């Protein structure tokens, strides 16, 4: 049964017509928001209201709306994805108060240029993956699952790192706009498994090189990235990335 209670909200939304536009906040009022609706459903309601007034709707990223794809990148009241450690699409309006003013912005990072309104270009992450976030193996019939023994702890750590959805919250949370948690997660989930070891040294150097080329900042270990990550990726992946990179540098010098 639907909750009959309805909320009134004031929204301060960042509007920017294009990459070269200066942009700024615009304020909107919503009077009939269900506390059981998701944050993106609330934005859908706002856009319906704007379209009915023949105004341009707010552009924002979304896809699966199930907390899987990482597309719903919004900076809400000073936090990536809002006040809870979850994706924006899984954030519900009951997390806010009736009459509250909610400030909604795009990710703020040099490597994530704004396309329009709340939508940013995160193709920098894709180029980092292309630089080394893969393994080269022969394709064909699947190998038996027990053919290559993997220690239980390594398997669990690799799986936990692989849950990274590449949303960019870590970059948005970091005062330096660092991508170390993202890159660390990708390096860890491959490097912890036997299939990823042959290219481990090459992978670390290539991905860090691309990360720097994209303009991401340096890590200062404040921990904001992990604290805001909707998949709770631990800071330990940054430690593994540093170890893999230092090892690869040593091997390169010796070679």
C-alpha atoms as a PDB file:
ATOM      1  CA  UNK A   1       0.000   0.000   0.000  1.00  0.00           C
ATOM      2  CA  UNK A   2       1.358   3.426  -0.987  1.00  0.00           C
ATOM      3  CA  UNK A   3       2.329   5.852   1.729  1.00  0.00           C
ATOM      4  CA  UNK A   4      -0.292   8.660   1.622  1.00  0.00           C
ATOM      5  CA  UNK A   5       2.123  11.135   3.192  1.00  0.00           C
ATOM      6  CA  UNK A   6       3.614  13.637   0.752  1.00  0.00           C
ATOM      7  CA  UNK A   7       6.673  15.880   1.075  1.00  0.00           C
ATOM      8  CA  UNK A   8       7.377  19.422  -0.015  1.00  0.00           C
ATOM      9  CA  UNK A   9      10.933  20.070  -1.156  1.00  0.00           C
ATOM     10  CA  UNK A  10      13.056  22.948  -2.370  1.00  0.00           C
ATOM     11  CA  UNK A  11      15.651  21.921  -4.943  1.00  0.00           C
ATOM     12  CA  UNK A  12      18.778  23.869  -5.816  1.00  0.00           C
ATOM     13  CA  UNK A  13      19.868  22.257  -9.081  1.00  0.00           C
ATOM     14  CA  UNK A  14      22.995  23.007 -11.086  1.00  0.00           C
ATOM     15  CA  UNK A  15      22.028  23.995 -14.641  1.00  0.00           C
ATOM     16  CA  UNK A  16      24.635  24.287 -17.383  1.00  0.00           C
ATOM     17  CA  UNK A  17      23.675  24.307 -21.061  1.00  0.00           C
ATOM     18  CA  UNK A  18      27.016  22.928 -22.273  1.00  0.00           C
ATOM     19  CA  UNK A  19      30.712  22.431 -21.520  1.00  0.00           C
ATOM     20  CA  UNK A  20      31.562  26.059 -22.303  1.00  0.00           C
ATOM     21  CA  UNK A  21      28.621  27.569 -20.405  1.00  0.00           C
ATOM     22  CA  UNK A  22      29.343  29.155 -17.016  1.00  0.00           C
ATOM     23  CA  UNK A  23      26.360  27.465 -15.355  1.00  0.00           C
ATOM     24  CA  UNK A  24      24.684  28.169 -12.031  1.00  0.00           C
ATOM     25  CA  UNK A  25      22.053  27.028  -9.557  1.00  0.00           C
ATOM     26  CA  UNK A  26      18.332  27.286 -10.188  1.00  0.00           C
ATOM     27  CA  UNK A  27      15.716  26.750  -7.487  1.00  0.00           C
ATOM     28  CA  UNK A  28      12.597  24.624  -7.938  1.00  0.00           C
ATOM     29  CA  UNK A  29       9.753  23.642  -5.619  1.00  0.00           C
ATOM     30  CA  UNK A  30       8.075  20.222  -5.518  1.00  0.00           C
ATOM     31  CA  UNK A  31       4.893  19.768  -3.498  1.00  0.00           C
ATOM     32  CA  UNK A  32       3.858  16.146  -3.992  1.00  0.00           C
ATOM     33  CA  UNK A  33       6.833  13.847  -3.398  1.00  0.00           C
ATOM     34  CA  UNK A  34       6.335  10.399  -1.943  1.00  0.00           C
ATOM     35  CA  UNK A  35       8.904   9.482   0.744  1.00  0.00           C
ATOM     36  CA  UNK A  36       8.958   5.988  -0.787  1.00  0.00           C
ATOM     37  CA  UNK A  37      10.116   7.247  -4.183  1.00  0.00           C
ATOM     38  CA  UNK A  38      13.772   7.081  -5.188  1.00  0.00           C
ATOM     39  CA  UNK A  39      15.857  10.189  -5.716  1.00  0.00           C
ATOM     40  CA  UNK A  40      15.812   9.654  -9.479  1.00  0.00           C
ATOM     41  CA  UNK A  41      12.035   9.248  -9.441  1.00  0.00           C
ATOM     42  CA  UNK A  42      11.881  12.594  -7.656  1.00  0.00           C
ATOM     43  CA  UNK A  43      13.963  14.112 -10.476  1.00  0.00           C
ATOM     44  CA  UNK A  44      11.602  12.491 -12.984  1.00  0.00           C
ATOM     45  CA  UNK A  45       8.764  14.298 -11.211  1.00  0.00           C
ATOM     46  CA  UNK A  46      10.677  17.569 -11.446  1.00  0.00           C
ATOM     47  CA  UNK A  47      11.240  17.072 -15.175  1.00  0.00           C
ATOM     48  CA  UNK A  48       7.568  16.294 -15.730  1.00  0.00           C
ATOM     49  CA  UNK A  49       6.769  19.582 -14.014  1.00  0.00           C
ATOM     50  CA  UNK A  50       9.288  21.471 -16.159  1.00  0.00           C
ATOM     51  CA  UNK A  51       8.066  19.902 -19.407  1.00  0.00           C
ATOM     52  CA  UNK A  52       4.455  20.758 -18.538  1.00  0.00           C
ATOM     53  CA  UNK A  53       5.589  24.396 -18.267  1.00  0.00           C
ATOM     54  CA  UNK A  54       7.447  24.128 -21.612  1.00  0.00           C
ATOM     55  CA  UNK A  55      10.785  24.480 -19.828  1.00  0.00           C
ATOM     56  CA  UNK A  56      13.889  22.406 -20.531  1.00  0.00           C
ATOM     57  CA  UNK A  57      14.183  19.310 -18.305  1.00  0.00           C
ATOM     58  CA  UNK A  58      17.246  18.679 -16.150  1.00  0.00           C
ATOM     59  CA  UNK A  59      19.817  16.400 -17.797  1.00  0.00           C
ATOM     60  CA  UNK A  60      21.137  13.661 -15.485  1.00  0.00           C
ATOM     61  CA  UNK A  61      22.722  10.234 -15.990  1.00  0.00           C
ATOM     62  CA  UNK A  62      20.852   7.022 -15.236  1.00  0.00           C
ATOM     63  CA  UNK A  63      20.508   3.530 -16.651  1.00  0.00           C
ATOM     64  CA  UNK A  64      19.754   0.390 -14.620  1.00  0.00           C
ATOM     65  CA  UNK A  65      18.350   2.151 -11.536  1.00  0.00           C
ATOM     66  CA  UNK A  66      19.277  -0.961  -9.557  1.00  0.00           C
ATOM     67  CA  UNK A  67      22.602   0.128  -8.045  1.00  0.00           C
ATOM     68  CA  UNK A  68      24.625  -1.821 -10.597  1.00  0.00           C
ATOM     69  CA  UNK A  69      25.698   0.376 -13.509  1.00  0.00           C
ATOM     70  CA  UNK A  70      27.172   3.361 -11.631  1.00  0.00           C
ATOM     71  CA  UNK A  71      25.628   5.929 -13.972  1.00  0.00           C
ATOM     72  CA  UNK A  72      23.648   7.920 -11.365  1.00  0.00           C
ATOM     73  CA  UNK A  73      26.451  10.307 -10.464  1.00  0.00           C
ATOM     74  CA  UNK A  74      25.031  13.173  -8.408  1.00  0.00           C
ATOM     75  CA  UNK A  75      26.565  15.268  -5.646  1.00  0.00           C
ATOM     76  CA  UNK A  76      23.768  15.767  -3.107  1.00  0.00           C
ATOM     77  CA  UNK A  77      24.017  18.090  -0.093  1.00  0.00           C
ATOM     78  CA  UNK A  78      27.796  17.893  -0.102  1.00  0.00           C
ATOM     79  CA  UNK A  79      28.080  14.099  -0.521  1.00  0.00           C
ATOM     80  CA  UNK A  80      28.498  11.854  -3.566  1.00  0.00           C
ATOM     81  CA  UNK A  81      25.183  10.000  -4.011  1.00  0.00           C
ATOM     82  CA  UNK A  82      23.692  11.780  -0.995  1.00  0.00           C
ATOM     83  CA  UNK A  83      23.552  11.231   2.777  1.00  0.00           C
ATOM     84  CA  UNK A  84      23.697   7.418   2.683  1.00  0.00           C
ATOM     85  CA  UNK A  85      26.482   5.140   1.456  1.00  0.00           C
ATOM     86  CA  UNK A  86      24.571   3.908  -1.562  1.00  0.00           C
ATOM     87  CA  UNK A  87      23.994   4.788  -5.202  1.00  0.00           C
ATOM     88  CA  UNK A  88      21.686   7.704  -6.011  1.00  0.00           C
ATOM     89  CA  UNK A  89      19.128   5.410  -7.637  1.00  0.00           C
ATOM     90  CA  UNK A  90      18.866   3.417  -4.387  1.00  0.00           C
ATOM     91  CA  UNK A  91      18.539   6.548  -2.249  1.00  0.00           C
ATOM     92  CA  UNK A  92      14.944   7.151  -1.149  1.00  0.00           C
ATOM     93  CA  UNK A  93      13.299  10.435  -0.312  1.00  0.00           C
ATOM     94  CA  UNK A  94      12.539   9.274   3.236  1.00  0.00           C
ATOM     95  CA  UNK A  95      16.213  10.064   3.893  1.00  0.00           C
ATOM     96  CA  UNK A  96      15.241  13.754   3.695  1.00  0.00           C
ATOM     97  CA  UNK A  97      12.878  15.929   5.725  1.00  0.00           C
ATOM     98  CA  UNK A  98       9.671  17.613   4.654  1.00  0.00           C
ATOM     99  CA  UNK A  99      10.446  21.185   3.574  1.00  0.00           C
ATOM    100  CA  UNK A 100      14.170  20.515   3.246  1.00  0.00           C
ATOM    101  CA  UNK A 101      16.331  22.311   0.690  1.00  0.00           C
ATOM    102  CA  UNK A 102      18.365  19.815  -1.338  1.00  0.00           C
ATOM    103  CA  UNK A 103      21.407  20.963  -3.314  1.00  0.00           C
ATOM    104  CA  UNK A 104      22.166  18.833  -6.380  1.00  0.00           C
ATOM    105  CA  UNK A 105      25.406  19.165  -8.344  1.00  0.00           C
ATOM    106  CA  UNK A 106      27.436  17.143 -10.869  1.00  0.00           C
ATOM    107  CA  UNK A 107      30.771  15.535 -10.049  1.00  0.00           C
ATOM    108  CA  UNK A 108      33.438  18.247  -9.744  1.00  0.00           C
ATOM    109  CA  UNK A 109      36.732  17.074 -11.247  1.00  0.00           C
ATOM    110  CA  UNK A 110      38.980  18.198 -14.081  1.00  0.00           C
ATOM    111  CA  UNK A 111      38.953  14.668 -15.487  1.00  0.00           C
ATOM    112  CA  UNK A 112      35.114  14.614 -15.453  1.00  0.00           C
ATOM    113  CA  UNK A 113      34.119  17.618 -17.611  1.00  0.00           C
ATOM    114  CA  UNK A 114      30.460  18.636 -17.463  1.00  0.00           C
ATOM    115  CA  UNK A 115      28.463  17.805 -20.588  1.00  0.00           C
ATOM    116  CA  UNK A 116      25.169  19.378 -19.534  1.00  0.00           C
ATOM    117  CA  UNK A 117      23.501  20.135 -16.197  1.00  0.00           C
ATOM    118  CA  UNK A 118      24.215  17.136 -13.933  1.00  0.00           C
ATOM    119  CA  UNK A 119      25.769  14.963 -16.643  1.00  0.00           C
ATOM    120  CA  UNK A 120      29.554  14.553 -16.791  1.00  0.00           C
ATOM    121  CA  UNK A 121      31.934  12.786 -19.157  1.00  0.00           C
ATOM    122  CA  UNK A 122      33.530   9.842 -17.321  1.00  0.00           C
ATOM    123  CA  UNK A 123      35.241   8.329 -20.340  1.00  0.00           C
ATOM    124  CA  UNK A 124      38.551   8.893 -18.522  1.00  0.00           C
ATOM    125  CA  UNK A 125      37.737   5.764 -16.512  1.00  0.00           C
ATOM    126  CA  UNK A 126      37.225   3.805 -19.722  1.00  0.00           C
ATOM    127  CA  UNK A 127      40.605   4.891 -21.064  1.00  0.00           C
ATOM    128  CA  UNK A 128      42.260   3.771 -17.815  1.00  0.00           C
ATOM    129  CA  UNK A 129      40.640   0.338 -18.211  1.00  0.00           C
ATOM    130  CA  UNK A 130      41.750   0.181 -21.847  1.00  0.00           C
ATOM    131  CA  UNK A 131      45.312   0.915 -20.729  1.00  0.00           C
ATOM    132  CA  UNK A 132      45.584  -2.228 -18.605  1.00  0.00           C
ATOM    133  CA  UNK A 133      42.389  -3.375 -16.905  1.00  0.00           C
ATOM    134  CA  UNK A 134      42.213  -6.725 -18.662  1.00  0.00           C
ATOM    135  CA  UNK A 135      43.976 -10.065 -19.001  1.00  0.00           C
ATOM    136  CA  UNK A 136      45.135 -11.719 -22.230  1.00  0.00           C
ATOM    137  CA  UNK A 137      44.060 -15.361 -22.334  1.00  0.00           C
ATOM    138  CA  UNK A 138      43.215 -17.859 -25.030  1.00  0.00           C
ATOM    139  CA  UNK A 139      39.489 -18.117 -25.659  1.00  0.00           C
ATOM    140  CA  UNK A 140      37.642 -21.353 -26.214  1.00  0.00           C
ATOM    141  CA  UNK A 141      36.160 -23.976 -23.944  1.00  0.00           C
ATOM    142  CA  UNK A 142      35.808 -22.860 -20.344  1.00  0.00           C
ATOM    143  CA  UNK A 143      38.448 -24.195 -17.972  1.00  0.00           C
ATOM    144  CA  UNK A 144      37.214 -26.310 -15.088  1.00  0.00           C
ATOM    145  CA  UNK A 145      36.630 -24.181 -12.006  1.00  0.00           C
ATOM    146  CA  UNK A 146      38.979 -26.295  -9.887  1.00  0.00           C
ATOM    147  CA  UNK A 147      41.822 -26.388 -12.412  1.00  0.00           C
ATOM    148  CA  UNK A 148      43.586 -23.388 -10.876  1.00  0.00           C
ATOM    149  CA  UNK A 149      43.402 -23.381  -7.065  1.00  0.00           C
ATOM    150  CA  UNK A 150      42.905 -19.919  -5.564  1.00  0.00           C
ATOM    151  CA  UNK A 151      43.283 -19.271  -1.825  1.00  0.00           C
ATOM    152  CA  UNK A 152      39.955 -18.402  -0.222  1.00  0.00           C
ATOM    153  CA  UNK A 153      41.151 -15.063   1.166  1.00  0.00           C
ATOM    154  CA  UNK A 154      42.518 -14.015  -2.230  1.00  0.00           C
ATOM    155  CA  UNK A 155      39.301 -15.037  -3.957  1.00  0.00           C
ATOM    156  CA  UNK A 156      37.182 -13.040  -1.505  1.00  0.00           C
ATOM    157  CA  UNK A 157      39.420  -9.960  -1.731  1.00  0.00           C
ATOM    158  CA  UNK A 158      39.375 -10.148  -5.527  1.00  0.00           C
ATOM    159  CA  UNK A 159      35.591 -10.437  -5.550  1.00  0.00           C
ATOM    160  CA  UNK A 160      35.218  -7.488  -3.175  1.00  0.00           C
ATOM    161  CA  UNK A 161      37.460  -5.332  -5.367  1.00  0.00           C
ATOM    162  CA  UNK A 162      35.556  -6.414  -8.479  1.00  0.00           C
ATOM    163  CA  UNK A 163      32.318  -4.978  -7.069  1.00  0.00           C
ATOM    164  CA  UNK A 164      33.538  -1.482  -8.039  1.00  0.00           C
ATOM    165  CA  UNK A 165      30.973  -0.057 -10.482  1.00  0.00           C
ATOM    166  CA  UNK A 166      33.097   2.851 -11.693  1.00  0.00           C
ATOM    167  CA  UNK A 167      30.595   5.494 -10.602  1.00  0.00           C
ATOM    168  CA  UNK A 168      33.277   8.057  -9.751  1.00  0.00           C
ATOM    169  CA  UNK A 169      32.086   8.806  -6.209  1.00  0.00           C
ATOM    170  CA  UNK A 170      35.638   8.277  -4.972  1.00  0.00           C
ATOM    171  CA  UNK A 171      36.888  11.025  -7.284  1.00  0.00           C
ATOM    172  CA  UNK A 172      34.053  13.378  -6.304  1.00  0.00           C
ATOM    173  CA  UNK A 173      34.699  12.793  -2.587  1.00  0.00           C
ATOM    174  CA  UNK A 174      38.458  13.348  -2.775  1.00  0.00           C
ATOM    175  CA  UNK A 175      39.722  16.903  -2.230  1.00  0.00           C
ATOM    176  CA  UNK A 176      42.350  16.186  -4.907  1.00  0.00           C
ATOM    177  CA  UNK A 177      39.946  14.391  -7.294  1.00  0.00           C
ATOM    178  CA  UNK A 178      42.127  11.285  -7.083  1.00  0.00           C
ATOM    179  CA  UNK A 179      41.166   8.075  -8.883  1.00  0.00           C
ATOM    180  CA  UNK A 180      43.395   5.838  -6.767  1.00  0.00           C
ATOM    181  CA  UNK A 181      40.522   3.852  -5.234  1.00  0.00           C
ATOM    182  CA  UNK A 182      39.068   3.087  -8.670  1.00  0.00           C
ATOM    183  CA  UNK A 183      42.427   2.114 -10.177  1.00  0.00           C
ATOM    184  CA  UNK A 184      43.377   0.201  -7.033  1.00  0.00           C
ATOM    185  CA  UNK A 185      40.167  -1.818  -7.225  1.00  0.00           C
ATOM    186  CA  UNK A 186      40.789  -2.762 -10.862  1.00  0.00           C
ATOM    187  CA  UNK A 187      44.444  -3.649 -10.282  1.00  0.00           C
ATOM    188  CA  UNK A 188      43.589  -5.650  -7.142  1.00  0.00           C
ATOM    189  CA  UNK A 189      40.760  -7.757  -8.525  1.00  0.00           C
ATOM    190  CA  UNK A 190      42.951  -8.879 -11.433  1.00  0.00           C
ATOM    191  CA  UNK A 191      46.272  -9.050  -9.595  1.00  0.00           C
ATOM    192  CA  UNK A 192      44.957 -11.237  -6.786  1.00  0.00           C
ATOM    193  CA  UNK A 193      44.025 -14.022  -9.212  1.00  0.00           C
ATOM    194  CA  UNK A 194      46.524 -16.331 -10.994  1.00  0.00           C
ATOM    195  CA  UNK A 195      45.138 -15.391 -14.414  1.00  0.00           C
ATOM    196  CA  UNK A 196      46.093 -11.768 -13.817  1.00  0.00           C
ATOM    197  CA  UNK A 197      49.641 -12.242 -12.576  1.00  0.00           C
ATOM    198  CA  UNK A 198      51.501 -12.508 -15.939  1.00  0.00           C
ATOM    199  CA  UNK A 199      50.598  -8.920 -16.830  1.00  0.00           C
ATOM    200  CA  UNK A 200      50.580  -7.486 -13.304  1.00  0.00           C
ATOM    201  CA  UNK A 201      53.705  -5.329 -13.680  1.00  0.00           C
ATOM    202  CA  UNK A 202      52.688  -3.957 -17.060  1.00  0.00           C
ATOM    203  CA  UNK A 203      49.131  -3.343 -15.847  1.00  0.00           C
ATOM    204  CA  UNK A 204      50.069  -1.226 -12.839  1.00  0.00           C
ATOM    205  CA  UNK A 205      52.400   1.040 -14.778  1.00  0.00           C
ATOM    206  CA  UNK A 206      50.038   1.470 -17.727  1.00  0.00           C
ATOM    207  CA  UNK A 207      46.957   2.272 -15.644  1.00  0.00           C
ATOM    208  CA  UNK A 208      48.778   4.714 -13.363  1.00  0.00           C
ATOM    209  CA  UNK A 209      50.335   6.406 -16.397  1.00  0.00           C
ATOM    210  CA  UNK A 210      46.907   6.841 -17.976  1.00  0.00           C
ATOM    211  CA  UNK A 211      45.382   8.007 -14.695  1.00  0.00           C
ATOM    212  CA  UNK A 212      47.979  10.774 -14.459  1.00  0.00           C
ATOM    213  CA  UNK A 213      47.489  11.715 -18.113  1.00  0.00           C
ATOM    214  CA  UNK A 214      43.749  12.171 -17.539  1.00  0.00           C
ATOM    215  CA  UNK A 215      44.389  14.835 -14.895  1.00  0.00           C
ATOM    216  CA  UNK A 216      43.313  13.047 -11.729  1.00  0.00           C
ATOM    217  CA  UNK A 217      44.938  14.305  -8.531  1.00  0.00           C
ATOM    218  CA  UNK A 218      47.223  12.556  -6.067  1.00  0.00           C
ATOM    219  CA  UNK A 219      46.122  10.469  -3.094  1.00  0.00           C
ATOM    220  CA  UNK A 220      46.712  11.940   0.373  1.00  0.00           C
ATOM    221  CA  UNK A 221      45.123   9.042   2.298  1.00  0.00           C
ATOM    222  CA  UNK A 222      42.276  11.013   3.878  1.00  0.00           C
ATOM    223  CA  UNK A 223      39.926   8.060   3.322  1.00  0.00           C
ATOM    224  CA  UNK A 224      37.003  10.085   1.934  1.00  0.00           C
ATOM    225  CA  UNK A 225      36.950   7.865  -1.177  1.00  0.00           C
ATOM    226  CA  UNK A 226      36.292   4.644   0.710  1.00  0.00           C
ATOM    227  CA  UNK A 227      33.904   6.333   3.147  1.00  0.00           C
ATOM    228  CA  UNK A 228      31.663   7.497   0.273  1.00  0.00           C
ATOM    229  CA  UNK A 229      32.028   4.450  -2.016  1.00  0.00           C
ATOM    230  CA  UNK A 230      28.578   2.853  -2.489  1.00  0.00           C
ATOM    231  CA  UNK A 231      30.209  -0.586  -2.778  1.00  0.00           C
ATOM    232  CA  UNK A 232      32.448  -0.033   0.269  1.00  0.00           C
ATOM    233  CA  UNK A 233      35.699  -0.702  -1.580  1.00  0.00           C
ATOM    234  CA  UNK A 234      38.402  -0.679   1.143  1.00  0.00           C
ATOM    235  CA  UNK A 235      41.471   1.550   1.131  1.00  0.00           C
ATOM    236  CA  UNK A 236      43.589  -1.598   1.148  1.00  0.00           C
ATOM    237  CA  UNK A 237      43.260  -1.732  -2.657  1.00  0.00           C
ATOM    238  CA  UNK A 238      45.264   1.510  -2.826  1.00  0.00           C
ATOM    239  CA  UNK A 239      47.981  -0.205  -0.808  1.00  0.00           C
ATOM    240  CA  UNK A 240      48.054  -3.086  -3.278  1.00  0.00           C
ATOM    241  CA  UNK A 241      48.186  -0.686  -6.216  1.00  0.00           C
ATOM    242  CA  UNK A 242      51.191   1.055  -4.647  1.00  0.00           C
ATOM    243  CA  UNK A 243      52.930  -2.289  -4.040  1.00  0.00           C
ATOM    244  CA  UNK A 244      52.259  -3.481  -7.587  1.00  0.00           C
ATOM    245  CA  UNK A 245      53.522  -0.218  -9.041  1.00  0.00           C
ATOM    246  CA  UNK A 246      56.698  -0.129  -6.927  1.00  0.00           C
ATOM    247  CA  UNK A 247      57.408  -3.782  -7.734  1.00  0.00           C
ATOM    248  CA  UNK A 248      56.908  -3.159 -11.442  1.00  0.00           C
ATOM    249  CA  UNK A 249      59.247  -0.152 -11.301  1.00  0.00           C
ATOM    250  CA  UNK A 250      61.922  -2.233  -9.568  1.00  0.00           C
ATOM    251  CA  UNK A 251      61.593  -5.026 -12.130  1.00  0.00           C
ATOM    252  CA  UNK A 252      61.842  -2.509 -14.972  1.00  0.00           C
ATOM    253  CA  UNK A 253      65.032  -1.030 -13.538  1.00  0.00           C
ATOM    254  CA  UNK A 254      66.577  -4.464 -13.015  1.00  0.00           C
ATOM    255  CA  UNK A 255      65.566  -5.529 -16.507  1.00  0.00           C
END
